[in-house]
Amino acid sequence: MTITKDMSIMEVVQKYPDTVEVFINSGMGCLGCAAAHFENIEQGALAHGIDVDALIEGLNKAVAAE
């Protein structure tokens, strides 16, 4: 399964725990905040000024390595 920017942040973290490090290293260390429960990856990345495409690439690399 490929991770896409419209997927829920928490959905991805729950299914693929190895992605937590990618989120944190990219500047999204707030995985425990309320917004992470309803925001998709694109919304969270934009709120933190993160390059969405680079984040998605990193997340998919982490999943592929599992």
PDB file of N, CA and C in Angstrom:
ATOM      1  N   MET A   1       0.842  -1.189   0.000  1.00  0.00           N
ATOM      2  CA  MET A   1       0.000   0.000   0.000  1.00  0.00           C
ATOM      3  C   MET A   1       0.881   1.245   0.000  1.00  0.00           C
ATOM      4  N   THR A   2       0.548   2.177  -0.835  1.00  0.00           N
ATOM      5  CA  THR A   2       1.290   3.425  -0.915  1.00  0.00           C
ATOM      6  C   THR A   2       0.626   4.477  -0.027  1.00  0.00           C
ATOM      7  N   ILE A   3       1.436   5.192   0.714  1.00  0.00           N
ATOM      8  CA  ILE A   3       0.928   6.282   1.552  1.00  0.00           C
ATOM      9  C   ILE A   3       0.712   7.500   0.657  1.00  0.00           C
ATOM     10  N   THR A   4      -0.449   8.128   0.808  1.00  0.00           N
ATOM     11  CA  THR A   4      -0.786   9.316   0.025  1.00  0.00           C
ATOM     12  C   THR A   4      -1.073  10.485   0.958  1.00  0.00           C
ATOM     13  N   LYS A   5      -1.021  11.685   0.413  1.00  0.00           N
ATOM     14  CA  LYS A   5      -1.185  12.885   1.244  1.00  0.00           C
ATOM     15  C   LYS A   5      -2.589  13.060   1.800  1.00  0.00           C
ATOM     16  N   ASP A   6      -3.567  12.332   1.270  1.00  0.00           N
ATOM     17  CA  ASP A   6      -4.928  12.478   1.785  1.00  0.00           C
ATOM     18  C   ASP A   6      -5.252  11.460   2.887  1.00  0.00           C
ATOM     19  N   MET A   7      -4.272  10.653   3.264  1.00  0.00           N
ATOM     20  CA  MET A   7      -4.480   9.681   4.338  1.00  0.00           C
ATOM     21  C   MET A   7      -4.370  10.367   5.701  1.00  0.00           C
ATOM     22  N   SER A   8      -5.110   9.850   6.663  1.00  0.00           N
ATOM     23  CA  SER A   8      -5.074  10.364   8.023  1.00  0.00           C
ATOM     24  C   SER A   8      -3.704  10.115   8.650  1.00  0.00           C
ATOM     25  N   ILE A   9      -3.207  11.106   9.372  1.00  0.00           N
ATOM     26  CA  ILE A   9      -1.918  10.970  10.043  1.00  0.00           C
ATOM     27  C   ILE A   9      -1.941   9.781  11.000  1.00  0.00           C
ATOM     28  N   MET A  10      -2.970   9.700  11.826  1.00  0.00           N
ATOM     29  CA  MET A  10      -3.043   8.627  12.817  1.00  0.00           C
ATOM     30  C   MET A  10      -3.218   7.263  12.167  1.00  0.00           C
ATOM     31  N   GLU A  11      -3.948   7.212  11.063  1.00  0.00           N
ATOM     32  CA  GLU A  11      -4.118   5.952  10.331  1.00  0.00           C
ATOM     33  C   GLU A  11      -2.755   5.410   9.890  1.00  0.00           C
ATOM     34  N   VAL A  12      -1.934   6.297   9.347  1.00  0.00           N
ATOM     35  CA  VAL A  12      -0.612   5.897   8.866  1.00  0.00           C
ATOM     36  C   VAL A  12       0.274   5.457  10.037  1.00  0.00           C
ATOM     37  N   VAL A  13       0.270   6.221  11.109  1.00  0.00           N
ATOM     38  CA  VAL A  13       1.108   5.901  12.273  1.00  0.00           C
ATOM     39  C   VAL A  13       0.695   4.568  12.894  1.00  0.00           C
ATOM     40  N   GLN A  14      -0.596   4.318  12.966  1.00  0.00           N
ATOM     41  CA  GLN A  14      -1.076   3.069  13.561  1.00  0.00           C
ATOM     42  C   GLN A  14      -0.740   1.865  12.694  1.00  0.00           C
ATOM     43  N   LYS A  15      -0.882   2.006  11.384  1.00  0.00           N
ATOM     44  CA  LYS A  15      -0.597   0.890  10.478  1.00  0.00           C
ATOM     45  C   LYS A  15       0.898   0.681  10.282  1.00  0.00           C
ATOM     46  N   TYR A  16       1.646   1.774  10.293  1.00  0.00           N
ATOM     47  CA  TYR A  16       3.084   1.723  10.002  1.00  0.00           C
ATOM     48  C   TYR A  16       3.871   2.474  11.072  1.00  0.00           C
ATOM     49  N   PRO A  17       4.136   1.852  12.211  1.00  0.00           N
ATOM     50  CA  PRO A  17       4.849   2.534  13.306  1.00  0.00           C
ATOM     51  C   PRO A  17       6.222   3.088  12.917  1.00  0.00           C
ATOM     52  N   ASP A  18       6.853   2.506  11.908  1.00  0.00           N
ATOM     53  CA  ASP A  18       8.163   3.015  11.475  1.00  0.00           C
ATOM     54  C   ASP A  18       8.086   4.414  10.883  1.00  0.00           C
ATOM     55  N   THR A  19       6.888   4.895  10.572  1.00  0.00           N
ATOM     56  CA  THR A  19       6.741   6.231   9.998  1.00  0.00           C
ATOM     57  C   THR A  19       6.852   7.332  11.051  1.00  0.00           C
ATOM     58  N   VAL A  20       6.716   6.974  12.322  1.00  0.00           N
ATOM     59  CA  VAL A  20       6.791   7.983  13.385  1.00  0.00           C
ATOM     60  C   VAL A  20       8.094   8.773  13.284  1.00  0.00           C
ATOM     61  N   GLU A  21       9.190   8.082  13.095  1.00  0.00           N
ATOM     62  CA  GLU A  21      10.497   8.744  13.006  1.00  0.00           C
ATOM     63  C   GLU A  21      10.542   9.714  11.825  1.00  0.00           C
ATOM     64  N   VAL A  22       9.931   9.351  10.710  1.00  0.00           N
ATOM     65  CA  VAL A  22       9.910  10.222   9.531  1.00  0.00           C
ATOM     66  C   VAL A  22       9.118  11.489   9.839  1.00  0.00           C
ATOM     67  N   PHE A  23       7.949  11.333  10.462  1.00  0.00           N
ATOM     68  CA  PHE A  23       7.151  12.510  10.830  1.00  0.00           C
ATOM     69  C   PHE A  23       7.951  13.428  11.760  1.00  0.00           C
ATOM     70  N   ILE A  24       8.554  12.866  12.782  1.00  0.00           N
ATOM     71  CA  ILE A  24       9.298  13.671  13.759  1.00  0.00           C
ATOM     72  C   ILE A  24      10.492  14.356  13.112  1.00  0.00           C
ATOM     73  N   ASN A  25      11.259  13.619  12.318  1.00  0.00           N
ATOM     74  CA  ASN A  25      12.438  14.202  11.670  1.00  0.00           C
ATOM     75  C   ASN A  25      12.085  15.289  10.660  1.00  0.00           C
ATOM     76  N   SER A  26      10.876  15.240  10.128  1.00  0.00           N
ATOM     77  CA  SER A  26      10.476  16.252   9.151  1.00  0.00           C
ATOM     78  C   SER A  26       9.905  17.502   9.815  1.00  0.00           C
ATOM     79  N   GLY A  27       9.693  17.441  11.140  1.00  0.00           N
ATOM     80  CA  GLY A  27       9.178  18.609  11.850  1.00  0.00           C
ATOM     81  C   GLY A  27       7.756  18.455  12.346  1.00  0.00           C
ATOM     82  N   MET A  28       7.188  17.273  12.211  1.00  0.00           N
ATOM     83  CA  MET A  28       5.828  17.028  12.701  1.00  0.00           C
ATOM     84  C   MET A  28       5.903  16.174  13.958  1.00  0.00           C
ATOM     85  N   GLY A  29       6.403  16.758  15.020  1.00  0.00           N
ATOM     86  CA  GLY A  29       6.561  16.031  16.270  1.00  0.00           C
ATOM     87  C   GLY A  29       5.320  16.016  17.133  1.00  0.00           C
ATOM     88  N   CYS A  30       4.231  16.524  16.608  1.00  0.00           N
ATOM     89  CA  CYS A  30       3.003  16.653  17.402  1.00  0.00           C
ATOM     90  C   CYS A  30       2.019  15.519  17.128  1.00  0.00           C
ATOM     91  N   LEU A  31       2.511  14.317  16.967  1.00  0.00           N
ATOM     92  CA  LEU A  31       1.630  13.201  16.633  1.00  0.00           C
ATOM     93  C   LEU A  31       0.604  12.917  17.724  1.00  0.00           C
ATOM     94  N   GLY A  32       0.855  13.378  18.925  1.00  0.00           N
ATOM     95  CA  GLY A  32      -0.095  13.166  20.013  1.00  0.00           C
ATOM     96  C   GLY A  32      -1.117  14.280  20.150  1.00  0.00           C
ATOM     97  N   CYS A  33      -1.010  15.317  19.339  1.00  0.00           N
ATOM     98  CA  CYS A  33      -1.944  16.439  19.475  1.00  0.00           C
ATOM     99  C   CYS A  33      -3.301  16.087  18.875  1.00  0.00           C
ATOM    100  N   ALA A  34      -4.316  16.830  19.259  1.00  0.00           N
ATOM    101  CA  ALA A  34      -5.682  16.559  18.814  1.00  0.00           C
ATOM    102  C   ALA A  34      -5.817  16.652  17.298  1.00  0.00           C
ATOM    103  N   ALA A  35      -5.117  17.582  16.677  1.00  0.00           N
ATOM    104  CA  ALA A  35      -5.238  17.769  15.230  1.00  0.00           C
ATOM    105  C   ALA A  35      -4.778  16.535  14.459  1.00  0.00           C
ATOM    106  N   ALA A  36      -3.808  15.808  14.986  1.00  0.00           N
ATOM    107  CA  ALA A  36      -3.300  14.616  14.297  1.00  0.00           C
ATOM    108  C   ALA A  36      -4.372  13.539  14.165  1.00  0.00           C
ATOM    109  N   HIS A  37      -5.402  13.630  14.985  1.00  0.00           N
ATOM    110  CA  HIS A  37      -6.465  12.624  14.942  1.00  0.00           C
ATOM    111  C   HIS A  37      -7.454  12.857  13.805  1.00  0.00           C
ATOM    112  N   PHE A  38      -7.517  14.089  13.290  1.00  0.00           N
ATOM    113  CA  PHE A  38      -8.471  14.338  12.214  1.00  0.00           C
ATOM    114  C   PHE A  38      -7.863  14.959  10.964  1.00  0.00           C
ATOM    115  N   GLU A  39      -6.629  15.393  11.029  1.00  0.00           N
ATOM    116  CA  GLU A  39      -5.975  15.971   9.857  1.00  0.00           C
ATOM    117  C   GLU A  39      -5.375  14.880   8.982  1.00  0.00           C
ATOM    118  N   ASN A  40      -5.371  15.174   7.672  1.00  0.00           N
ATOM    119  CA  ASN A  40      -4.641  14.258   6.795  1.00  0.00           C
ATOM    120  C   ASN A  40      -3.185  14.740   6.724  1.00  0.00           C
ATOM    121  N   ILE A  41      -2.360  13.961   6.066  1.00  0.00           N
ATOM    122  CA  ILE A  41      -0.924  14.271   6.017  1.00  0.00           C
ATOM    123  C   ILE A  41      -0.676  15.631   5.368  1.00  0.00           C
ATOM    124  N   GLU A  42      -1.388  15.924   4.287  1.00  0.00           N
ATOM    125  CA  GLU A  42      -1.187  17.200   3.599  1.00  0.00           C
ATOM    126  C   GLU A  42      -1.524  18.373   4.514  1.00  0.00           C
ATOM    127  N   GLN A  43      -2.632  18.296   5.220  1.00  0.00           N
ATOM    128  CA  GLN A  43      -3.040  19.385   6.117  1.00  0.00           C
ATOM    129  C   GLN A  43      -2.005  19.599   7.223  1.00  0.00           C
ATOM    130  N   GLY A  44      -1.542  18.510   7.809  1.00  0.00           N
ATOM    131  CA  GLY A  44      -0.537  18.617   8.867  1.00  0.00           C
ATOM    132  C   GLY A  44       0.768  19.193   8.361  1.00  0.00           C
ATOM    133  N   ALA A  45       1.187  18.739   7.187  1.00  0.00           N
ATOM    134  CA  ALA A  45       2.441  19.236   6.616  1.00  0.00           C
ATOM    135  C   ALA A  45       2.340  20.723   6.297  1.00  0.00           C
ATOM    136  N   LEU A  46       1.243  21.134   5.701  1.00  0.00           N
ATOM    137  CA  LEU A  46       1.066  22.549   5.359  1.00  0.00           C
ATOM    138  C   LEU A  46       1.034  23.421   6.615  1.00  0.00           C
ATOM    139  N   ALA A  47       0.406  22.924   7.674  1.00  0.00           N
ATOM    140  CA  ALA A  47       0.331  23.683   8.926  1.00  0.00           C
ATOM    141  C   ALA A  47       1.717  23.887   9.540  1.00  0.00           C
ATOM    142  N   HIS A  48       2.645  22.982   9.244  1.00  0.00           N
ATOM    143  CA  HIS A  48       3.998  23.072   9.802  1.00  0.00           C
ATOM    144  C   HIS A  48       5.029  23.558   8.790  1.00  0.00           C
ATOM    145  N   GLY A  49       4.584  23.953   7.584  1.00  0.00           N
ATOM    146  CA  GLY A  49       5.499  24.454   6.568  1.00  0.00           C
ATOM    147  C   GLY A  49       6.426  23.390   6.009  1.00  0.00           C
ATOM    148  N   ILE A  50       5.928  22.166   5.922  1.00  0.00           N
ATOM    149  CA  ILE A  50       6.738  21.030   5.460  1.00  0.00           C
ATOM    150  C   ILE A  50       6.409  20.710   4.007  1.00  0.00           C
ATOM    151  N   ASP A  51       7.411  20.355   3.239  1.00  0.00           N
ATOM    152  CA  ASP A  51       7.230  19.946   1.840  1.00  0.00           C
ATOM    153  C   ASP A  51       6.469  18.620   1.828  1.00  0.00           C
ATOM    154  N   VAL A  52       5.223  18.670   1.370  1.00  0.00           N
ATOM    155  CA  VAL A  52       4.340  17.497   1.395  1.00  0.00           C
ATOM    156  C   VAL A  52       4.913  16.356   0.562  1.00  0.00           C
ATOM    157  N   ASP A  53       5.392  16.665  -0.628  1.00  0.00           N
ATOM    158  CA  ASP A  53       5.902  15.617  -1.518  1.00  0.00           C
ATOM    159  C   ASP A  53       7.120  14.921  -0.923  1.00  0.00           C
ATOM    160  N   ALA A  54       8.010  15.691  -0.317  1.00  0.00           N
ATOM    161  CA  ALA A  54       9.199  15.101   0.309  1.00  0.00           C
ATOM    162  C   ALA A  54       8.798  14.232   1.499  1.00  0.00           C
ATOM    163  N   LEU A  55       7.812  14.683   2.262  1.00  0.00           N
ATOM    164  CA  LEU A  55       7.336  13.910   3.404  1.00  0.00           C
ATOM    165  C   LEU A  55       6.730  12.584   2.941  1.00  0.00           C
ATOM    166  N   ILE A  56       5.895  12.622   1.923  1.00  0.00           N
ATOM    167  CA  ILE A  56       5.270  11.407   1.393  1.00  0.00           C
ATOM    168  C   ILE A  56       6.340  10.440   0.886  1.00  0.00           C
ATOM    169  N   GLU A  57       7.341  10.974   0.227  1.00  0.00           N
ATOM    170  CA  GLU A  57       8.435  10.131  -0.270  1.00  0.00           C
ATOM    171  C   GLU A  57       9.150   9.438   0.894  1.00  0.00           C
ATOM    172  N   GLY A  58       9.433  10.191   1.947  1.00  0.00           N
ATOM    173  CA  GLY A  58      10.103   9.626   3.110  1.00  0.00           C
ATOM    174  C   GLY A  58       9.250   8.580   3.811  1.00  0.00           C
ATOM    175  N   LEU A  59       7.950   8.842   3.912  1.00  0.00           N
ATOM    176  CA  LEU A  59       7.044   7.891   4.555  1.00  0.00           C
ATOM    177  C   LEU A  59       6.990   6.575   3.773  1.00  0.00           C
ATOM    178  N   ASN A  60       6.903   6.675   2.454  1.00  0.00           N
ATOM    179  CA  ASN A  60       6.830   5.475   1.635  1.00  0.00           C
ATOM    180  C   ASN A  60       8.143   4.701   1.667  1.00  0.00           C
ATOM    181  N   LYS A  61       9.272   5.386   1.778  1.00  0.00           N
ATOM    182  CA  LYS A  61      10.559   4.692   1.909  1.00  0.00           C
ATOM    183  C   LYS A  61      10.601   3.921   3.232  1.00  0.00           C
ATOM    184  N   ALA A  62      10.077   4.530   4.289  1.00  0.00           N
ATOM    185  CA  ALA A  62      10.066   3.866   5.601  1.00  0.00           C
ATOM    186  C   ALA A  62       9.191   2.611   5.560  1.00  0.00           C
ATOM    187  N   VAL A  63       8.068   2.706   4.890  1.00  0.00           N
ATOM    188  CA  VAL A  63       7.151   1.558   4.782  1.00  0.00           C
ATOM    189  C   VAL A  63       7.776   0.460   3.947  1.00  0.00           C
ATOM    190  N   ALA A  64       8.456   0.831   2.880  1.00  0.00           N
ATOM    191  CA  ALA A  64       9.095  -0.152   2.003  1.00  0.00           C
ATOM    192  C   ALA A  64      10.204  -0.908   2.735  1.00  0.00           C
ATOM    193  N   ALA A  65      10.817  -0.254   3.712  1.00  0.00           N
ATOM    194  CA  ALA A  65      11.907  -0.868   4.461  1.00  0.00           C
ATOM    195  C   ALA A  65      11.419  -1.836   5.538  1.00  0.00           C
ATOM    196  N   GLU A  66      10.120  -1.799   5.849  1.00  0.00           N
ATOM    197  CA  GLU A  66       9.561  -2.669   6.898  1.00  0.00           C
ATOM    198  C   GLU A  66       9.645  -4.116   6.515  1.00  0.00           C
TER     199      GLU A  66
END
